[in-house]
């Protein structure tokens, strides 16, 4: 577990190393950021593998007779489908956040209705009821970072290209950012299983993690 923690620390340090060497060409800069992402992703897998390998062999401490054992931690419960009412509540919250940051209302609501039910499958059953509050808290804590994302890649942004990555022009992108910061591998799994736009999430992930 100590080894896994060290690897996680290395992952955080590598993920922050997005400063391209001064004087580099655009092509070199793109390669640099791609390499950083590849290394960070590999470190995440190593940390996860280390934890899995440690668990079967770790000796469980003997509980003290006078102290009751704590209840076992429950694993998050996956959901097979998200109800229309929940999708509606989250969509409304995401729209409020997105419009407050961009002033843009020309997004495709039908596309939101298509994407959100999939993205919300990366929210556990235990968290679904309180997810709107969780999303709003995330947006408040990351307001500056979200504003920078949309100012650069969103509607009217300095590097906006909706045809290259339509998520930057959609309110559900706020939910995608929150899930990328919370359960990136879970999000990647449900997205790639159900949405025929794998490169779209990959491009948006680069914008959110490395493009600011």
C-alpha atoms as a PDB file:
ATOM      1  CA  UNK A   1       0.000   0.000   0.000  1.00  0.00           C
ATOM      2  CA  UNK A   2       2.915   2.343   0.734  1.00  0.00           C
ATOM      3  CA  UNK A   3       4.339   1.569  -2.702  1.00  0.00           C
ATOM      4  CA  UNK A   4       0.959   2.316  -4.331  1.00  0.00           C
ATOM      5  CA  UNK A   5       0.806   5.628  -2.472  1.00  0.00           C
ATOM      6  CA  UNK A   6       4.240   6.563  -3.746  1.00  0.00           C
ATOM      7  CA  UNK A   7       3.194   5.766  -7.315  1.00  0.00           C
ATOM      8  CA  UNK A   8       0.022   7.842  -6.884  1.00  0.00           C
ATOM      9  CA  UNK A   9       2.198  10.737  -5.704  1.00  0.00           C
ATOM     10  CA  UNK A  10       4.376  10.363  -8.773  1.00  0.00           C
ATOM     11  CA  UNK A  11       1.254  10.347 -10.949  1.00  0.00           C
ATOM     12  CA  UNK A  12       0.076  13.657  -9.477  1.00  0.00           C
ATOM     13  CA  UNK A  13       3.509  15.205 -10.028  1.00  0.00           C
ATOM     14  CA  UNK A  14       3.733  14.025 -13.639  1.00  0.00           C
ATOM     15  CA  UNK A  15       0.171  15.142 -14.428  1.00  0.00           C
ATOM     16  CA  UNK A  16       1.108  18.691 -13.380  1.00  0.00           C
ATOM     17  CA  UNK A  17       4.189  18.769 -15.613  1.00  0.00           C
ATOM     18  CA  UNK A  18       2.469  20.338 -18.602  1.00  0.00           C
ATOM     19  CA  UNK A  19       4.943  23.183 -19.187  1.00  0.00           C
ATOM     20  CA  UNK A  20       6.311  22.705 -22.690  1.00  0.00           C
ATOM     21  CA  UNK A  21      10.007  23.696 -22.978  1.00  0.00           C
ATOM     22  CA  UNK A  22      10.441  27.288 -24.088  1.00  0.00           C
ATOM     23  CA  UNK A  23      11.022  27.799 -27.791  1.00  0.00           C
ATOM     24  CA  UNK A  24       9.419  24.486 -28.771  1.00  0.00           C
ATOM     25  CA  UNK A  25       7.426  24.166 -31.959  1.00  0.00           C
ATOM     26  CA  UNK A  26       3.678  23.454 -31.893  1.00  0.00           C
ATOM     27  CA  UNK A  27       4.355  19.924 -33.124  1.00  0.00           C
ATOM     28  CA  UNK A  28       6.880  19.307 -30.343  1.00  0.00           C
ATOM     29  CA  UNK A  29       4.451  20.779 -27.782  1.00  0.00           C
ATOM     30  CA  UNK A  30       1.681  18.397 -28.841  1.00  0.00           C
ATOM     31  CA  UNK A  31       4.078  15.467 -28.545  1.00  0.00           C
ATOM     32  CA  UNK A  32       5.208  16.649 -25.109  1.00  0.00           C
ATOM     33  CA  UNK A  33       1.645  16.821 -23.764  1.00  0.00           C
ATOM     34  CA  UNK A  34       0.787  13.437 -25.293  1.00  0.00           C
ATOM     35  CA  UNK A  35       3.830  11.908 -23.580  1.00  0.00           C
ATOM     36  CA  UNK A  36       2.891  13.431 -20.225  1.00  0.00           C
ATOM     37  CA  UNK A  37      -0.601  11.996 -20.547  1.00  0.00           C
ATOM     38  CA  UNK A  38       0.735   8.567 -21.496  1.00  0.00           C
ATOM     39  CA  UNK A  39       3.105   8.458 -18.528  1.00  0.00           C
ATOM     40  CA  UNK A  40       0.424   9.671 -16.112  1.00  0.00           C
ATOM     41  CA  UNK A  41      -2.013   7.045 -17.395  1.00  0.00           C
ATOM     42  CA  UNK A  42       0.609   4.311 -17.025  1.00  0.00           C
ATOM     43  CA  UNK A  43       1.377   5.361 -13.449  1.00  0.00           C
ATOM     44  CA  UNK A  44      -2.320   5.146 -12.601  1.00  0.00           C
ATOM     45  CA  UNK A  45      -2.453   1.563 -13.888  1.00  0.00           C
ATOM     46  CA  UNK A  46       0.691   0.656 -11.918  1.00  0.00           C
ATOM     47  CA  UNK A  47      -0.778   2.073  -8.707  1.00  0.00           C
ATOM     48  CA  UNK A  48      -4.051   0.181  -9.219  1.00  0.00           C
ATOM     49  CA  UNK A  49      -2.179  -3.049  -9.951  1.00  0.00           C
ATOM     50  CA  UNK A  50       0.018  -2.618  -6.885  1.00  0.00           C
ATOM     51  CA  UNK A  51      -3.030  -2.236  -4.652  1.00  0.00           C
ATOM     52  CA  UNK A  52      -4.699  -5.325  -6.163  1.00  0.00           C
ATOM     53  CA  UNK A  53      -1.551  -7.403  -5.665  1.00  0.00           C
ATOM     54  CA  UNK A  54      -1.117  -6.228  -2.076  1.00  0.00           C
ATOM     55  CA  UNK A  55      -4.640  -6.965  -0.894  1.00  0.00           C
ATOM     56  CA  UNK A  56      -4.620 -10.804  -1.044  1.00  0.00           C
ATOM     57  CA  UNK A  57      -1.344 -11.082   0.872  1.00  0.00           C
ATOM     58  CA  UNK A  58      -1.761  -8.320   3.439  1.00  0.00           C
ATOM     59  CA  UNK A  59      -2.196  -9.725   6.922  1.00  0.00           C
ATOM     60  CA  UNK A  60      -5.340  -8.458   8.612  1.00  0.00           C
ATOM     61  CA  UNK A  61      -4.643  -7.083  12.109  1.00  0.00           C
ATOM     62  CA  UNK A  62      -6.269  -8.911  15.012  1.00  0.00           C
ATOM     63  CA  UNK A  63      -9.161  -6.827  16.358  1.00  0.00           C
ATOM     64  CA  UNK A  64      -8.986  -5.821  20.006  1.00  0.00           C
ATOM     65  CA  UNK A  65     -11.484  -7.839  22.057  1.00  0.00           C
ATOM     66  CA  UNK A  66     -13.082  -4.764  23.650  1.00  0.00           C
ATOM     67  CA  UNK A  67     -13.437  -2.800  20.415  1.00  0.00           C
ATOM     68  CA  UNK A  68     -16.021  -3.861  17.832  1.00  0.00           C
ATOM     69  CA  UNK A  69     -14.765  -4.255  14.288  1.00  0.00           C
ATOM     70  CA  UNK A  70     -15.795  -1.424  11.966  1.00  0.00           C
ATOM     71  CA  UNK A  71     -18.421  -2.300   9.367  1.00  0.00           C
ATOM     72  CA  UNK A  72     -16.917  -3.330   6.018  1.00  0.00           C
ATOM     73  CA  UNK A  73     -16.786  -0.630   3.371  1.00  0.00           C
ATOM     74  CA  UNK A  74     -19.273  -1.180   0.587  1.00  0.00           C
ATOM     75  CA  UNK A  75     -18.131  -0.963  -2.983  1.00  0.00           C
ATOM     76  CA  UNK A  76     -20.001   1.565  -5.149  1.00  0.00           C
ATOM     77  CA  UNK A  77     -23.077   0.054  -6.750  1.00  0.00           C
ATOM     78  CA  UNK A  78     -23.245   0.479 -10.516  1.00  0.00           C
ATOM     79  CA  UNK A  79     -26.558   1.388 -12.152  1.00  0.00           C
ATOM     80  CA  UNK A  80     -27.851  -0.218 -15.322  1.00  0.00           C
ATOM     81  CA  UNK A  81     -29.880   2.819 -16.337  1.00  0.00           C
ATOM     82  CA  UNK A  82     -30.586   6.342 -15.088  1.00  0.00           C
ATOM     83  CA  UNK A  83     -34.181   7.551 -14.908  1.00  0.00           C
ATOM     84  CA  UNK A  84     -35.499  10.427 -17.003  1.00  0.00           C
ATOM     85  CA  UNK A  85     -36.228  12.533 -13.910  1.00  0.00           C
ATOM     86  CA  UNK A  86     -32.634  12.256 -12.713  1.00  0.00           C
ATOM     87  CA  UNK A  87     -31.299  13.081 -16.187  1.00  0.00           C
ATOM     88  CA  UNK A  88     -33.611  16.124 -16.266  1.00  0.00           C
ATOM     89  CA  UNK A  89     -32.427  17.378 -12.849  1.00  0.00           C
ATOM     90  CA  UNK A  90     -28.756  17.003 -13.729  1.00  0.00           C
ATOM     91  CA  UNK A  91     -29.247  18.562 -17.165  1.00  0.00           C
ATOM     92  CA  UNK A  92     -30.902  21.631 -15.644  1.00  0.00           C
ATOM     93  CA  UNK A  93     -28.075  22.035 -13.119  1.00  0.00           C
ATOM     94  CA  UNK A  94     -25.424  21.603 -15.816  1.00  0.00           C
ATOM     95  CA  UNK A  95     -27.175  24.157 -18.040  1.00  0.00           C
ATOM     96  CA  UNK A  96     -27.276  26.742 -15.229  1.00  0.00           C
ATOM     97  CA  UNK A  97     -23.570  26.280 -14.564  1.00  0.00           C
ATOM     98  CA  UNK A  98     -22.588  26.274 -18.237  1.00  0.00           C
ATOM     99  CA  UNK A  99     -24.614  29.379 -19.150  1.00  0.00           C
ATOM    100  CA  UNK A 100     -23.315  31.258 -16.095  1.00  0.00           C
ATOM    101  CA  UNK A 101     -19.762  30.590 -17.296  1.00  0.00           C
ATOM    102  CA  UNK A 102     -20.215  31.090 -21.040  1.00  0.00           C
ATOM    103  CA  UNK A 103     -23.415  33.069 -21.627  1.00  0.00           C
ATOM    104  CA  UNK A 104     -24.052  30.580 -24.453  1.00  0.00           C
ATOM    105  CA  UNK A 105     -27.502  29.049 -24.972  1.00  0.00           C
ATOM    106  CA  UNK A 106     -27.124  27.693 -28.504  1.00  0.00           C
ATOM    107  CA  UNK A 107     -26.232  24.181 -27.379  1.00  0.00           C
ATOM    108  CA  UNK A 108     -27.969  21.016 -28.641  1.00  0.00           C
ATOM    109  CA  UNK A 109     -30.408  19.829 -25.964  1.00  0.00           C
ATOM    110  CA  UNK A 110     -31.145  16.601 -27.863  1.00  0.00           C
ATOM    111  CA  UNK A 111     -27.430  15.801 -27.733  1.00  0.00           C
ATOM    112  CA  UNK A 112     -27.462  16.436 -23.979  1.00  0.00           C
ATOM    113  CA  UNK A 113     -30.339  13.972 -23.599  1.00  0.00           C
ATOM    114  CA  UNK A 114     -28.299  11.408 -25.524  1.00  0.00           C
ATOM    115  CA  UNK A 115     -25.021  11.838 -23.638  1.00  0.00           C
ATOM    116  CA  UNK A 116     -26.112  12.470 -20.031  1.00  0.00           C
ATOM    117  CA  UNK A 117     -27.810   9.090 -19.418  1.00  0.00           C
ATOM    118  CA  UNK A 118     -24.533   7.419 -20.356  1.00  0.00           C
ATOM    119  CA  UNK A 119     -22.234   9.699 -18.350  1.00  0.00           C
ATOM    120  CA  UNK A 120     -24.492   9.377 -15.287  1.00  0.00           C
ATOM    121  CA  UNK A 121     -23.925   5.614 -15.305  1.00  0.00           C
ATOM    122  CA  UNK A 122     -20.492   6.504 -13.911  1.00  0.00           C
ATOM    123  CA  UNK A 123     -22.264   7.789 -10.765  1.00  0.00           C
ATOM    124  CA  UNK A 124     -22.897   5.090  -8.183  1.00  0.00           C
ATOM    125  CA  UNK A 125     -26.410   4.237  -7.024  1.00  0.00           C
ATOM    126  CA  UNK A 126     -25.514   5.574  -3.573  1.00  0.00           C
ATOM    127  CA  UNK A 127     -24.584   9.008  -4.999  1.00  0.00           C
ATOM    128  CA  UNK A 128     -27.383   9.494  -7.536  1.00  0.00           C
ATOM    129  CA  UNK A 129     -29.824  11.259  -5.175  1.00  0.00           C
ATOM    130  CA  UNK A 130     -27.270  13.828  -4.043  1.00  0.00           C
ATOM    131  CA  UNK A 131     -25.439  14.181  -7.322  1.00  0.00           C
ATOM    132  CA  UNK A 132     -26.863  17.588  -8.297  1.00  0.00           C
ATOM    133  CA  UNK A 133     -25.490  19.066  -5.043  1.00  0.00           C
ATOM    134  CA  UNK A 134     -22.178  17.301  -5.688  1.00  0.00           C
ATOM    135  CA  UNK A 135     -22.021  18.756  -9.214  1.00  0.00           C
ATOM    136  CA  UNK A 136     -22.800  22.259  -7.978  1.00  0.00           C
ATOM    137  CA  UNK A 137     -20.123  21.992  -5.277  1.00  0.00           C
ATOM    138  CA  UNK A 138     -17.611  20.815  -7.891  1.00  0.00           C
ATOM    139  CA  UNK A 139     -18.466  23.728 -10.188  1.00  0.00           C
ATOM    140  CA  UNK A 140     -18.093  26.226  -7.351  1.00  0.00           C
ATOM    141  CA  UNK A 141     -14.723  24.793  -6.296  1.00  0.00           C
ATOM    142  CA  UNK A 142     -13.466  24.668  -9.905  1.00  0.00           C
ATOM    143  CA  UNK A 143     -15.172  27.749 -11.312  1.00  0.00           C
ATOM    144  CA  UNK A 144     -11.942  29.426 -12.415  1.00  0.00           C
ATOM    145  CA  UNK A 145     -10.650  26.274 -14.066  1.00  0.00           C
ATOM    146  CA  UNK A 146     -13.956  25.720 -15.904  1.00  0.00           C
ATOM    147  CA  UNK A 147     -14.022  29.348 -17.009  1.00  0.00           C
ATOM    148  CA  UNK A 148     -10.528  28.955 -18.475  1.00  0.00           C
ATOM    149  CA  UNK A 149     -11.583  25.794 -20.320  1.00  0.00           C
ATOM    150  CA  UNK A 150     -14.556  27.484 -21.985  1.00  0.00           C
ATOM    151  CA  UNK A 151     -12.698  30.741 -22.628  1.00  0.00           C
ATOM    152  CA  UNK A 152     -10.180  28.784 -24.662  1.00  0.00           C
ATOM    153  CA  UNK A 153     -12.174  25.934 -26.235  1.00  0.00           C
ATOM    154  CA  UNK A 154     -15.827  26.833 -25.654  1.00  0.00           C
ATOM    155  CA  UNK A 155     -18.214  29.059 -27.631  1.00  0.00           C
ATOM    156  CA  UNK A 156     -16.258  32.026 -28.954  1.00  0.00           C
ATOM    157  CA  UNK A 157     -13.080  30.727 -27.339  1.00  0.00           C
ATOM    158  CA  UNK A 158      -9.603  31.512 -28.594  1.00  0.00           C
ATOM    159  CA  UNK A 159      -9.070  27.909 -29.743  1.00  0.00           C
ATOM    160  CA  UNK A 160     -12.691  26.880 -30.249  1.00  0.00           C
ATOM    161  CA  UNK A 161     -13.402  24.158 -32.807  1.00  0.00           C
ATOM    162  CA  UNK A 162     -16.807  22.573 -32.255  1.00  0.00           C
ATOM    163  CA  UNK A 163     -16.329  20.143 -35.134  1.00  0.00           C
ATOM    164  CA  UNK A 164     -13.180  18.808 -33.439  1.00  0.00           C
ATOM    165  CA  UNK A 165     -14.724  18.482 -29.958  1.00  0.00           C
ATOM    166  CA  UNK A 166     -18.421  19.311 -29.591  1.00  0.00           C
ATOM    167  CA  UNK A 167     -18.375  18.689 -25.824  1.00  0.00           C
ATOM    168  CA  UNK A 168     -16.799  22.104 -25.218  1.00  0.00           C
ATOM    169  CA  UNK A 169     -20.038  23.666 -26.519  1.00  0.00           C
ATOM    170  CA  UNK A 170     -22.385  21.481 -24.469  1.00  0.00           C
ATOM    171  CA  UNK A 171     -23.545  21.914 -20.830  1.00  0.00           C
ATOM    172  CA  UNK A 172     -23.057  18.214 -20.051  1.00  0.00           C
ATOM    173  CA  UNK A 173     -19.331  18.911 -20.350  1.00  0.00           C
ATOM    174  CA  UNK A 174     -19.515  20.142 -16.736  1.00  0.00           C
ATOM    175  CA  UNK A 175     -20.629  16.651 -15.678  1.00  0.00           C
ATOM    176  CA  UNK A 176     -17.898  15.074 -17.805  1.00  0.00           C
ATOM    177  CA  UNK A 177     -15.266  17.262 -16.081  1.00  0.00           C
ATOM    178  CA  UNK A 178     -16.546  16.264 -12.638  1.00  0.00           C
ATOM    179  CA  UNK A 179     -16.476  12.552 -13.494  1.00  0.00           C
ATOM    180  CA  UNK A 180     -12.999  12.880 -15.081  1.00  0.00           C
ATOM    181  CA  UNK A 181     -11.712  14.262 -11.787  1.00  0.00           C
ATOM    182  CA  UNK A 182     -13.564  11.652  -9.696  1.00  0.00           C
ATOM    183  CA  UNK A 183     -13.771   8.314 -11.567  1.00  0.00           C
ATOM    184  CA  UNK A 184     -11.944   8.691 -14.913  1.00  0.00           C
ATOM    185  CA  UNK A 185     -11.617   4.959 -15.630  1.00  0.00           C
ATOM    186  CA  UNK A 186     -15.297   4.323 -14.867  1.00  0.00           C
ATOM    187  CA  UNK A 187     -16.328   7.186 -17.142  1.00  0.00           C
ATOM    188  CA  UNK A 188     -14.038   5.935 -19.901  1.00  0.00           C
ATOM    189  CA  UNK A 189     -15.609   2.478 -19.650  1.00  0.00           C
ATOM    190  CA  UNK A 190     -19.263   3.545 -19.900  1.00  0.00           C
ATOM    191  CA  UNK A 191     -18.494   6.109 -22.616  1.00  0.00           C
ATOM    192  CA  UNK A 192     -16.621   3.697 -24.865  1.00  0.00           C
ATOM    193  CA  UNK A 193     -19.260   0.999 -24.375  1.00  0.00           C
ATOM    194  CA  UNK A 194     -22.207   3.144 -25.432  1.00  0.00           C
ATOM    195  CA  UNK A 195     -21.104   6.264 -27.331  1.00  0.00           C
ATOM    196  CA  UNK A 196     -19.580   5.898 -30.769  1.00  0.00           C
ATOM    197  CA  UNK A 197     -17.200   8.824 -30.271  1.00  0.00           C
ATOM    198  CA  UNK A 198     -14.199   7.510 -28.360  1.00  0.00           C
ATOM    199  CA  UNK A 199     -11.856  10.179 -29.741  1.00  0.00           C
ATOM    200  CA  UNK A 200     -14.244  12.900 -28.582  1.00  0.00           C
ATOM    201  CA  UNK A 201     -13.782  12.002 -24.904  1.00  0.00           C
ATOM    202  CA  UNK A 202     -10.038  11.586 -25.436  1.00  0.00           C
ATOM    203  CA  UNK A 203      -9.737  15.067 -26.956  1.00  0.00           C
ATOM    204  CA  UNK A 204     -11.876  16.650 -24.259  1.00  0.00           C
ATOM    205  CA  UNK A 205      -9.842  14.913 -21.543  1.00  0.00           C
ATOM    206  CA  UNK A 206      -6.663  16.467 -22.973  1.00  0.00           C
ATOM    207  CA  UNK A 207      -8.282  19.902 -22.957  1.00  0.00           C
ATOM    208  CA  UNK A 208      -9.418  19.542 -19.343  1.00  0.00           C
ATOM    209  CA  UNK A 209      -6.197  18.067 -17.973  1.00  0.00           C
ATOM    210  CA  UNK A 210      -3.488  19.611 -20.092  1.00  0.00           C
ATOM    211  CA  UNK A 211      -4.903  22.372 -22.279  1.00  0.00           C
ATOM    212  CA  UNK A 212      -5.433  25.159 -19.758  1.00  0.00           C
END
